[in-house]
Amino acid sequence: MDWEPLFLTFKLAFVTTIILLLVSIPLAYWLAFSKSKIKPIIETLVSMPLVLPPTVLGFYLLIAFSPSNGFGQWLDEWLGLRLVFSFEGLVFASVIYSLPFMVHPIQSGFSNLSKSLLEASYMLGKSKLTTLFKILLPNIKPSLLTGIVLAFAHTIGEFGVVLMIGGNMPGVTKVASIAIYDEVESLNYSAANSYSLILFALTFSILLLVYIVNGGYLKRFWK
């Protein structure tokens, strides 16, 4: 079995999760506390990947970033970015596709916090940035953990989006889900089973750990 697709999958999931965490915290904060009229539109756009077929999203990203397209050509000539059939393209597509899996838990965590925490912090003269990092985020650790794990696990299981934008280039865009598809097409069920079993065991273990930590089972066990 070739281990390269698994390594590439975990690399993609790690990079995507880090970027999503940096993007989702301010976005979720805004969605939780903003009263802007465009808030429903932004929430809809964030949630679209939950219901939109992955191939649809992948197709439009492929068209947008293609060097034959004006925008893709501009990215290539001026920024040196070729997002089609590249690892960078996989990261960009994965960030968009996994965005709601990070934003929604964090937004829910912010929304469930008592408003008295915000009011007390502001009355003490703390800035919004200080309130966010010193007051709010420490109080939504379970939501942060849930968002991180869901985004990581969801990125591991991506297929349609990564196939459309990245294709099947060994060592570049051939992640584990693509490798499984290739092995099944080649009737090499043994290799497909090996890839699938590793991904199944990993995602099961990660999700189980989240439920144990967020459910407080470790504290009850040690008591």
Protein backbone atom coordinates (compact mmCIF):
# COMPACT_ATOMS: atom_id res chain seq x y z
CA MET A 1 0.00 0.00 0.00
CA ASP A 2 1.21 3.48 -0.91
CA TRP A 3 1.29 5.66 2.22
CA GLU A 4 1.67 8.92 0.31
CA PRO A 5 -2.11 9.54 -0.14
CA LEU A 6 -2.61 9.17 3.62
CA PHE A 7 0.23 11.57 4.39
CA LEU A 8 -1.19 14.07 1.89
CA THR A 9 -4.67 13.70 3.40
CA PHE A 10 -3.49 14.45 6.93
CA LYS A 11 -1.37 17.36 5.68
CA LEU A 12 -4.40 18.80 3.87
CA ALA A 13 -6.65 18.33 6.91
CA PHE A 14 -4.09 19.94 9.26
CA VAL A 15 -3.44 23.00 7.07
CA THR A 16 -7.16 23.44 6.34
CA THR A 17 -8.08 23.22 10.03
CA ILE A 18 -5.51 25.84 11.05
CA ILE A 19 -6.74 28.26 8.38
CA LEU A 20 -10.37 27.60 9.27
CA LEU A 21 -9.72 28.28 12.95
CA LEU A 22 -8.18 31.66 12.15
CA VAL A 23 -11.01 32.57 9.79
CA SER A 24 -13.94 31.12 11.74
CA ILE A 25 -13.36 32.75 15.13
CA PRO A 26 -13.92 36.35 13.93
CA LEU A 27 -16.63 35.23 11.50
CA ALA A 28 -18.51 33.27 14.16
CA TYR A 29 -18.14 36.17 16.59
CA TRP A 30 -19.68 38.53 14.06
CA LEU A 31 -22.52 36.14 13.25
CA ALA A 32 -23.28 35.60 16.93
CA PHE A 33 -23.42 39.24 17.98
CA SER A 34 -24.08 41.26 14.83
CA LYS A 35 -27.48 42.79 14.08
CA SER A 36 -26.59 43.68 10.51
CA LYS A 37 -29.23 43.35 7.81
CA ILE A 38 -26.87 41.25 5.67
CA LYS A 39 -26.36 38.69 8.44
CA PRO A 40 -28.92 36.20 6.97
CA ILE A 41 -27.13 36.38 3.61
CA ILE A 42 -23.72 35.67 5.17
CA GLU A 43 -25.17 32.82 7.25
CA THR A 44 -26.70 31.33 4.11
CA LEU A 45 -23.41 31.54 2.19
CA VAL A 46 -21.52 29.93 5.09
CA SER A 47 -24.06 27.10 5.32
CA MET A 48 -24.32 26.41 1.58
CA PRO A 49 -21.66 23.63 1.58
CA LEU A 50 -23.90 21.63 3.94
CA VAL A 51 -26.55 21.16 1.25
CA LEU A 52 -24.73 21.92 -2.00
CA PRO A 53 -23.42 18.86 -3.90
CA PRO A 54 -19.60 18.82 -3.63
CA THR A 55 -19.25 18.45 -7.38
CA VAL A 56 -21.18 21.70 -7.93
CA LEU A 57 -18.84 23.63 -5.66
CA GLY A 58 -15.82 21.90 -7.18
CA PHE A 59 -17.01 22.66 -10.72
CA TYR A 60 -17.40 26.38 -10.12
CA LEU A 61 -14.04 26.57 -8.35
CA LEU A 62 -12.49 24.74 -11.30
CA ILE A 63 -13.99 27.24 -13.73
CA ALA A 64 -13.03 30.25 -11.60
CA PHE A 65 -9.40 29.23 -11.09
CA SER A 66 -8.72 27.83 -14.54
CA PRO A 67 -5.83 29.66 -16.28
CA SER A 68 -8.11 30.05 -19.30
CA ASN A 69 -10.47 32.14 -17.16
CA GLY A 70 -9.77 35.84 -16.56
CA PHE A 71 -9.58 35.50 -12.76
CA GLY A 72 -7.46 32.35 -12.87
CA GLN A 73 -5.17 33.94 -15.43
CA TRP A 74 -4.76 37.01 -13.21
CA LEU A 75 -3.86 34.82 -10.21
CA ASP A 76 -1.29 32.97 -12.30
CA GLU A 77 0.34 35.98 -13.92
CA TRP A 78 0.33 38.48 -11.06
CA LEU A 79 0.45 36.36 -7.92
CA GLY A 80 2.03 33.21 -9.27
CA LEU A 81 -0.86 31.11 -7.94
CA ARG A 82 -2.18 28.19 -9.97
CA LEU A 83 -4.94 26.74 -7.85
CA VAL A 84 -6.18 24.17 -10.36
CA PHE A 85 -4.58 20.73 -9.95
CA SER A 86 -2.36 21.88 -7.09
CA PHE A 87 -2.16 21.31 -3.34
CA GLU A 88 -2.87 25.01 -2.75
CA GLY A 89 -6.09 24.61 -4.72
CA LEU A 90 -7.08 21.66 -2.53
CA VAL A 91 -6.53 23.79 0.57
CA PHE A 92 -8.63 26.65 -0.78
CA ALA A 93 -11.47 24.34 -1.80
CA SER A 94 -11.33 22.47 1.51
CA VAL A 95 -11.51 25.71 3.51
CA ILE A 96 -14.69 26.71 1.68
CA TYR A 97 -16.25 23.24 1.85
CA SER A 98 -15.50 22.67 5.54
CA LEU A 99 -16.23 26.23 6.67
CA PRO A 100 -19.68 25.56 8.24
CA PHE A 101 -18.29 22.64 10.26
CA MET A 102 -15.99 25.07 12.06
CA VAL A 103 -18.15 28.20 12.12
CA HIS A 104 -21.42 26.70 13.39
CA PRO A 105 -20.11 25.13 16.65
CA ILE A 106 -18.13 28.27 17.51
CA GLN A 107 -21.08 30.52 16.68
CA SER A 108 -23.32 28.37 18.85
CA GLY A 109 -20.81 28.62 21.69
CA PHE A 110 -20.75 32.41 21.47
CA SER A 111 -24.54 32.64 21.26
CA ASN A 112 -25.04 30.50 24.37
CA LEU A 113 -22.78 32.65 26.54
CA SER A 114 -24.40 34.94 29.06
CA LYS A 115 -24.49 38.56 27.92
CA SER A 116 -23.43 39.55 31.41
CA LEU A 117 -19.91 38.37 30.57
CA LEU A 118 -19.68 40.89 27.75
CA GLU A 119 -21.26 43.67 29.78
CA ALA A 120 -18.98 43.09 32.76
CA SER A 121 -15.89 43.06 30.56
CA TYR A 122 -16.85 46.28 28.80
CA MET A 123 -17.70 47.97 32.12
CA LEU A 124 -14.18 47.15 33.31
CA GLY A 125 -12.79 48.96 30.31
CA LYS A 126 -11.69 45.89 28.34
CA SER A 127 -11.55 46.15 24.55
CA LYS A 128 -13.48 43.84 22.24
CA LEU A 129 -10.28 42.04 21.31
CA THR A 130 -9.30 41.48 24.93
CA THR A 131 -12.84 40.36 25.77
CA LEU A 132 -12.73 37.87 22.90
CA PHE A 133 -9.44 36.23 23.84
CA LYS A 134 -9.55 36.57 27.63
CA ILE A 135 -13.26 36.07 28.36
CA LEU A 136 -15.21 34.55 25.50
CA LEU A 137 -12.88 31.96 23.97
CA PRO A 138 -11.88 30.36 27.32
CA ASN A 139 -15.59 29.85 28.03
CA ILE A 140 -16.36 28.05 24.77
CA LYS A 141 -13.55 25.47 24.78
CA PRO A 142 -15.95 22.56 24.04
CA SER A 143 -17.31 24.44 21.02
CA LEU A 144 -13.79 25.18 19.78
CA LEU A 145 -12.79 21.54 20.18
CA THR A 146 -15.92 20.38 18.37
CA GLY A 147 -15.32 22.77 15.48
CA ILE A 148 -11.67 21.78 15.14
CA VAL A 149 -12.42 18.05 15.14
CA LEU A 150 -15.40 18.27 12.78
CA ALA A 151 -13.44 20.39 10.29
CA PHE A 152 -10.44 18.05 10.46
CA ALA A 153 -12.54 14.89 10.08
CA HIS A 154 -14.68 16.38 7.32
CA THR A 155 -11.60 17.39 5.33
CA ILE A 156 -10.23 13.85 5.61
CA GLY A 157 -13.41 12.50 4.02
CA GLU A 158 -13.66 14.95 1.11
CA PHE A 159 -13.98 13.44 -2.35
CA GLY A 160 -16.04 15.39 -4.89
CA VAL A 161 -14.49 18.80 -4.29
CA VAL A 162 -10.88 17.58 -4.23
CA LEU A 163 -11.44 15.46 -7.34
CA MET A 164 -12.85 18.39 -9.30
CA ILE A 165 -10.30 21.01 -8.31
CA GLY A 166 -7.26 18.76 -7.79
CA GLY A 167 -7.71 15.78 -10.05
CA ASN A 168 -5.64 12.69 -9.38
CA MET A 169 -1.96 13.65 -9.32
CA PRO A 170 0.20 11.31 -7.18
CA GLY A 171 2.11 13.19 -4.51
CA VAL A 172 0.29 16.45 -5.29
CA THR A 173 -3.49 16.04 -5.13
CA LYS A 174 -4.11 12.31 -4.76
CA VAL A 175 -5.53 12.11 -1.26
CA ALA A 176 -6.78 8.94 0.46
CA SER A 177 -10.39 9.25 -0.76
CA ILE A 178 -9.17 9.45 -4.36
CA ALA A 179 -6.80 6.52 -3.75
CA ILE A 180 -9.71 4.40 -2.49
CA TYR A 181 -11.70 5.22 -5.61
CA ASP A 182 -8.74 4.28 -7.82
CA GLU A 183 -8.19 0.97 -6.05
CA VAL A 184 -11.87 0.03 -6.32
CA GLU A 185 -11.85 0.84 -10.04
CA SER A 186 -8.79 -1.39 -10.39
CA LEU A 187 -10.59 -4.14 -8.41
CA ASN A 188 -7.82 -3.96 -5.84
CA TYR A 189 -10.16 -4.32 -2.89
CA SER A 190 -7.40 -5.23 -0.46
CA ALA A 191 -5.66 -1.85 -0.82
CA ALA A 192 -9.01 -0.02 -0.82
CA ASN A 193 -9.92 -1.80 2.41
CA SER A 194 -6.60 -0.83 4.00
CA TYR A 195 -7.09 2.85 3.20
CA SER A 196 -10.73 2.76 4.30
CA LEU A 197 -9.98 0.95 7.55
CA ILE A 198 -7.30 3.45 8.53
CA LEU A 199 -9.57 6.42 7.84
CA PHE A 200 -12.50 4.77 9.62
CA ALA A 201 -10.44 3.99 12.72
CA LEU A 202 -8.92 7.46 12.82
CA THR A 203 -12.16 9.41 12.43
CA PHE A 204 -13.98 7.14 14.91
CA SER A 205 -11.22 7.65 17.50
CA ILE A 206 -11.19 11.42 17.05
CA LEU A 207 -14.96 11.79 17.34
CA LEU A 208 -15.08 9.44 20.32
CA LEU A 209 -12.45 11.54 22.07
CA VAL A 210 -14.50 14.70 21.50
CA TYR A 211 -17.64 13.14 22.98
CA ILE A 212 -15.68 11.87 25.97
CA VAL A 213 -14.01 15.23 26.65
CA ASN A 214 -17.10 17.37 26.04
CA GLY A 215 -19.32 14.98 27.99
CA GLY A 216 -17.10 15.15 31.05
CA TYR A 217 -16.65 11.37 31.15
CA LEU A 218 -12.97 11.65 32.00
CA LYS A 219 -13.72 13.70 35.14
CA ARG A 220 -16.39 11.23 36.23
CA PHE A 221 -14.09 8.30 35.57
CA TRP A 222 -11.26 9.68 37.69
CA LYS A 223 -13.67 10.47 40.54
